[in-house]
Amino acid sequence: MTHSGQASYVEDRARIEDLQARYMFALDWHDADAYAATFTEDGILDWALGIAEGRDAIRQEALGMRTMFARKEAADAPLRPARLRHFITNVTLRIEGDRATGHAYWMELDNDVRGRWPYVGGYGHYEDELRKVDGEWLFSRRKIYNEILATRTAPETNPVRPA
């Protein structure tokens, strides 16, 4: 890889990692618009409750998440609201021009128990397809594996094993 190729890879990787972080913050703050904005207009979210196709459908899924958490919050009164915080790690990226594929682990810290002590509420991994649109990296497809749900566990084969 040439020096300019390395600089391009480093810049693209940094922008994709920023995208992943913005996705997590939007998820945890129940910001449906910001969440949907991390996807291409024709993006696909494949998650525990189904497949949402297109930015508008993804936004609706995020609004549904916000409603679900609001109900949980109301049921927990008078305790302070419980919070979720998602983390991403072990990011692998293969960047080829204006397209990329990625894999990463995710975990979720919850504090929805009495006293609000944290615990790991879930974990799994992402399999992502990304596309650069007008100079901005976005998810074109995000598949979420969730190891606490029998129907969403990862396959037995290593998803990032070299061919």
Protein backbone atom coordinates (compact mmCIF):
# COMPACT_ATOMS: atom_id res chain seq x y z
CA MET A 1 0.00 0.00 0.00
CA THR A 2 1.39 3.39 -0.92
CA HIS A 3 1.75 6.20 1.58
CA SER A 4 -1.31 7.96 0.12
CA GLY A 5 -3.18 4.64 0.24
CA GLN A 6 -2.31 4.29 3.92
CA ALA A 7 -3.49 7.84 4.62
CA SER A 8 -6.77 7.13 2.84
CA TYR A 9 -7.27 3.89 4.79
CA VAL A 10 -6.54 5.63 8.10
CA GLU A 11 -8.97 8.44 7.30
CA ASP A 12 -11.70 6.04 6.13
CA ARG A 13 -11.23 3.83 9.19
CA ALA A 14 -11.46 6.84 11.52
CA ARG A 15 -14.67 7.99 9.83
CA ILE A 16 -16.20 4.51 10.05
CA GLU A 17 -15.28 4.25 13.74
CA ASP A 18 -16.90 7.66 14.26
CA LEU A 19 -20.02 6.37 12.49
CA GLN A 20 -20.10 3.35 14.81
CA ALA A 21 -19.81 5.59 17.88
CA ARG A 22 -22.55 7.95 16.65
CA TYR A 23 -24.78 4.91 16.10
CA MET A 24 -24.21 3.80 19.71
CA PHE A 25 -24.89 7.24 21.17
CA ALA A 26 -28.07 7.59 19.09
CA LEU A 27 -29.18 4.15 20.28
CA ASP A 28 -28.56 4.90 23.96
CA TRP A 29 -30.16 8.35 23.87
CA HIS A 30 -33.14 7.02 21.88
CA ASP A 31 -32.50 9.57 19.12
CA ALA A 32 -34.42 8.04 16.23
CA ASP A 33 -33.37 10.67 13.69
CA ALA A 34 -29.66 10.38 14.49
CA TYR A 35 -29.94 6.57 14.57
CA ALA A 36 -31.59 6.41 11.14
CA ALA A 37 -29.07 8.93 9.77
CA THR A 38 -26.27 6.38 10.24
CA PHE A 39 -27.82 4.30 7.43
CA THR A 40 -28.00 4.86 3.68
CA GLU A 41 -31.43 5.80 2.32
CA ASP A 42 -31.88 2.15 1.26
CA GLY A 43 -30.11 0.75 4.32
CA ILE A 44 -31.12 -2.48 6.03
CA LEU A 45 -31.21 -3.14 9.77
CA ASP A 46 -31.39 -6.87 10.56
CA TRP A 47 -31.94 -7.21 14.31
CA ALA A 48 -33.77 -9.19 16.99
CA LEU A 49 -37.22 -7.86 16.11
CA GLY A 50 -36.92 -8.28 12.35
CA ILE A 51 -35.60 -6.57 9.27
CA ALA A 52 -36.19 -2.89 8.58
CA GLU A 53 -35.49 -1.78 5.01
CA GLY A 54 -34.90 1.88 4.24
CA ARG A 55 -34.02 4.83 6.44
CA ASP A 56 -37.67 5.64 7.21
CA ALA A 57 -38.38 2.08 8.40
CA ILE A 58 -35.21 2.11 10.50
CA ARG A 59 -36.31 5.40 12.07
CA GLN A 60 -39.66 3.79 12.94
CA GLU A 61 -37.84 0.87 14.61
CA ALA A 62 -35.84 3.36 16.68
CA LEU A 63 -39.03 5.19 17.67
CA GLY A 64 -40.44 1.83 18.79
CA MET A 65 -37.35 1.25 20.93
CA ARG A 66 -37.83 4.68 22.53
CA THR A 67 -41.48 3.86 23.32
CA MET A 68 -40.50 0.52 24.86
CA PHE A 69 -37.91 2.17 27.12
CA ALA A 70 -40.34 4.93 28.12
CA ARG A 71 -42.79 2.24 29.30
CA LYS A 72 -40.06 0.54 31.33
CA GLU A 73 -39.08 3.89 32.82
CA ALA A 74 -42.67 4.68 33.85
CA ALA A 75 -43.06 1.23 35.43
CA ASP A 76 -39.89 1.78 37.50
CA ALA A 77 -41.02 5.07 39.08
CA PRO A 78 -40.11 6.44 41.58
CA LEU A 79 -36.58 5.10 40.93
CA ARG A 80 -34.41 7.27 38.72
CA PRO A 81 -34.61 6.15 35.08
CA ALA A 82 -32.60 3.06 34.18
CA ARG A 83 -30.02 3.47 31.44
CA LEU A 84 -28.45 1.32 28.78
CA ARG A 85 -24.99 1.96 27.42
CA HIS A 86 -23.69 0.08 24.42
CA PHE A 87 -20.02 -0.46 23.63
CA ILE A 88 -18.27 -1.62 20.49
CA THR A 89 -14.86 -3.29 20.34
CA ASN A 90 -12.60 -5.55 18.25
CA VAL A 91 -13.47 -3.71 15.04
CA THR A 92 -12.26 -5.29 11.81
CA LEU A 93 -12.69 -3.42 8.53
CA ARG A 94 -12.03 -4.25 4.92
CA ILE A 95 -12.21 -1.04 2.91
CA GLU A 96 -12.34 -1.22 -0.87
CA GLY A 97 -12.93 2.17 -2.44
CA ASP A 98 -16.37 3.48 -1.50
CA ARG A 99 -17.48 0.17 0.05
CA ALA A 100 -16.44 -1.61 3.19
CA THR A 101 -17.31 -4.63 5.28
CA GLY A 102 -16.86 -4.76 9.01
CA HIS A 103 -17.24 -6.97 12.04
CA ALA A 104 -17.19 -5.95 15.68
CA TYR A 105 -18.21 -7.15 19.09
CA TRP A 106 -20.84 -5.22 21.03
CA MET A 107 -21.93 -5.36 24.63
CA GLU A 108 -24.62 -3.65 26.62
CA LEU A 109 -24.42 -2.47 30.20
CA ASP A 110 -27.77 -2.13 31.97
CA ASN A 111 -28.76 -0.80 35.34
CA ASP A 112 -32.46 -1.62 35.40
CA VAL A 113 -32.28 -3.46 38.72
CA ARG A 114 -33.05 -2.09 42.14
CA GLY A 115 -30.26 0.22 43.29
CA ARG A 116 -29.26 0.77 39.65
CA TRP A 117 -26.14 -1.41 39.87
CA PRO A 118 -24.73 -2.18 36.41
CA TYR A 119 -24.54 -5.60 34.80
CA VAL A 120 -23.86 -6.93 31.31
CA GLY A 121 -27.32 -7.17 29.76
CA GLY A 122 -26.36 -8.51 26.37
CA TYR A 123 -23.55 -9.08 23.91
CA GLY A 124 -22.94 -10.24 20.40
CA HIS A 125 -21.40 -9.00 17.21
CA TYR A 126 -22.20 -6.87 14.18
CA GLU A 127 -21.70 -7.81 10.54
CA ASP A 128 -21.74 -4.60 8.53
CA GLU A 129 -21.77 -3.52 4.93
CA LEU A 130 -20.91 0.14 4.51
CA ARG A 131 -21.00 2.58 1.65
CA LYS A 132 -19.50 6.03 1.23
CA VAL A 133 -22.23 8.42 0.05
CA ASP A 134 -21.22 11.99 -0.84
CA GLY A 135 -18.01 11.51 1.14
CA GLU A 136 -19.77 10.16 4.26
CA TRP A 137 -19.58 6.55 5.45
CA LEU A 138 -22.97 4.98 6.25
CA PHE A 139 -24.27 1.51 7.01
CA SER A 140 -25.92 -0.06 3.99
CA ARG A 141 -26.64 -3.21 5.99
CA ARG A 142 -26.15 -4.00 9.66
CA LYS A 143 -26.85 -7.50 10.95
CA ILE A 144 -26.88 -7.81 14.71
CA TYR A 145 -26.11 -11.11 16.39
CA ASN A 146 -27.24 -11.31 20.02
CA GLU A 147 -25.91 -14.17 22.13
CA ILE A 148 -28.71 -14.01 24.71
CA LEU A 149 -31.37 -14.81 22.11
CA ALA A 150 -31.42 -18.37 20.78
CA THR A 151 -32.61 -17.17 17.36
CA ARG A 152 -29.83 -14.57 16.97
CA THR A 153 -26.68 -16.44 18.05
CA ALA A 154 -23.60 -16.38 15.86
CA PRO A 155 -22.77 -19.27 13.56
CA GLU A 156 -20.01 -21.63 14.65
CA THR A 157 -17.54 -20.38 12.02
CA ASN A 158 -15.27 -17.37 12.58
CA PRO A 159 -16.77 -14.52 10.53
CA VAL A 160 -13.40 -12.78 10.02
CA ARG A 161 -11.25 -15.79 9.17
CA PRO A 162 -9.08 -15.08 6.13
CA ALA A 163 -10.09 -16.94 2.97
